[in-house]
Protein backbone atom coordinates (compact mmCIF):
# COMPACT_ATOMS: atom_id res chain seq x y z
CA MET A 1 -150.05 47.74 63.34
CA PRO A 2 -150.44 48.87 67.00
CA SER A 3 -153.91 50.17 68.12
CA PRO A 4 -154.18 53.98 68.80
CA SER A 5 -154.22 55.17 72.33
CA GLN A 6 -157.07 56.86 73.78
CA ILE A 7 -157.42 59.17 76.63
CA GLU A 8 -160.80 60.28 77.67
CA ASP A 9 -162.60 62.15 80.35
CA ASN A 10 -166.27 62.81 81.41
CA GLY A 11 -165.92 66.62 81.75
CA CYS A 12 -167.74 69.37 79.95
CA GLY A 13 -166.46 68.58 76.49
CA ILE A 14 -165.08 70.98 73.94
CA ASP A 15 -167.70 73.45 72.63
CA ASP A 16 -168.20 73.23 68.68
CA ALA A 17 -167.08 76.89 68.31
CA ILE A 18 -163.55 76.24 69.58
CA LYS A 19 -162.80 72.75 68.18
CA GLU A 20 -160.90 73.99 65.20
CA ARG A 21 -158.49 76.08 67.37
CA ILE A 22 -157.58 74.11 70.17
CA LEU A 23 -154.31 72.72 68.55
CA ASN A 24 -153.44 76.30 67.61
CA PRO A 25 -150.41 77.87 69.53
CA PHE A 26 -151.44 80.05 72.59
CA PHE A 27 -154.95 79.10 72.44
CA SER A 28 -156.68 78.42 76.03
CA THR A 29 -159.99 78.64 77.46
CA LYS A 30 -158.42 79.16 80.99
CA ILE A 31 -157.71 82.81 81.96
CA THR A 32 -154.51 82.51 84.26
CA LYS A 33 -150.86 83.45 83.98
CA SER A 34 -149.79 79.87 84.08
CA ASN A 35 -151.81 78.73 81.09
CA ILE A 36 -150.34 79.71 78.00
CA GLY A 37 -152.02 77.54 75.56
CA LEU A 38 -149.12 75.25 74.37
CA GLY A 39 -149.73 71.95 75.88
CA LEU A 40 -151.76 70.43 72.91
CA THR A 41 -149.78 72.24 70.31
CA ILE A 42 -146.44 70.83 71.56
CA SER A 43 -148.15 67.27 71.84
CA ASN A 44 -149.33 67.37 68.44
CA LYS A 45 -145.99 68.43 67.16
CA ILE A 46 -144.25 65.53 68.80
CA ILE A 47 -146.73 63.14 67.62
CA GLU A 48 -146.36 64.40 64.05
CA GLU A 49 -142.50 64.23 64.38
CA PHE A 50 -143.15 60.44 64.80
CA ASN A 51 -145.42 60.27 61.83
CA GLY A 52 -148.37 59.93 63.90
CA THR A 53 -151.81 61.90 64.36
CA LEU A 54 -153.42 63.28 67.34
CA SER A 55 -157.20 63.54 67.09
CA PHE A 56 -160.32 63.91 69.21
CA MET A 57 -163.97 63.50 69.60
CA SER A 58 -166.00 65.50 71.95
CA GLU A 59 -169.58 66.06 73.05
CA THR A 60 -170.58 68.98 74.90
CA CYS A 61 -171.47 68.12 78.47
CA LYS A 62 -170.41 64.46 77.93
CA GLY A 63 -166.57 64.49 77.59
CA THR A 64 -163.69 64.19 75.19
CA THR A 65 -161.61 61.61 73.86
CA PHE A 66 -158.20 62.16 72.45
CA ILE A 67 -156.69 59.50 70.13
CA VAL A 68 -152.95 59.13 69.56
CA ASP A 69 -152.03 57.02 66.55
CA LEU A 70 -148.38 56.33 66.12
CA PRO A 71 -146.74 54.02 63.48
CA GLU A 72 -144.72 51.05 64.65
CA LYS A 73 -141.34 51.72 63.45
CA ASP A 74 -141.26 54.98 61.35
CA PRO A 75 -138.09 57.25 62.31
CA PRO A 76 -139.05 60.94 63.29
CA ARG A 77 -139.22 63.50 60.56
CA VAL A 78 -136.52 65.88 61.06
């Protein structure tokens, strides 16, 4: 079984008040015409199609770590 991939930053973290919504379609904390809030939703859907999971850990003012865990050989669910 392969190890999960982790992507982390040292930014401002994700506020507890919005953690449950960040994977929702069209949710964004950025107010611009080019940010439509689909990036994490699409990423999560692709990972789920391959029987994987997308999770994260975040601390305000310390950063966020996203964890992508994919099985070794399971085919996509269609």
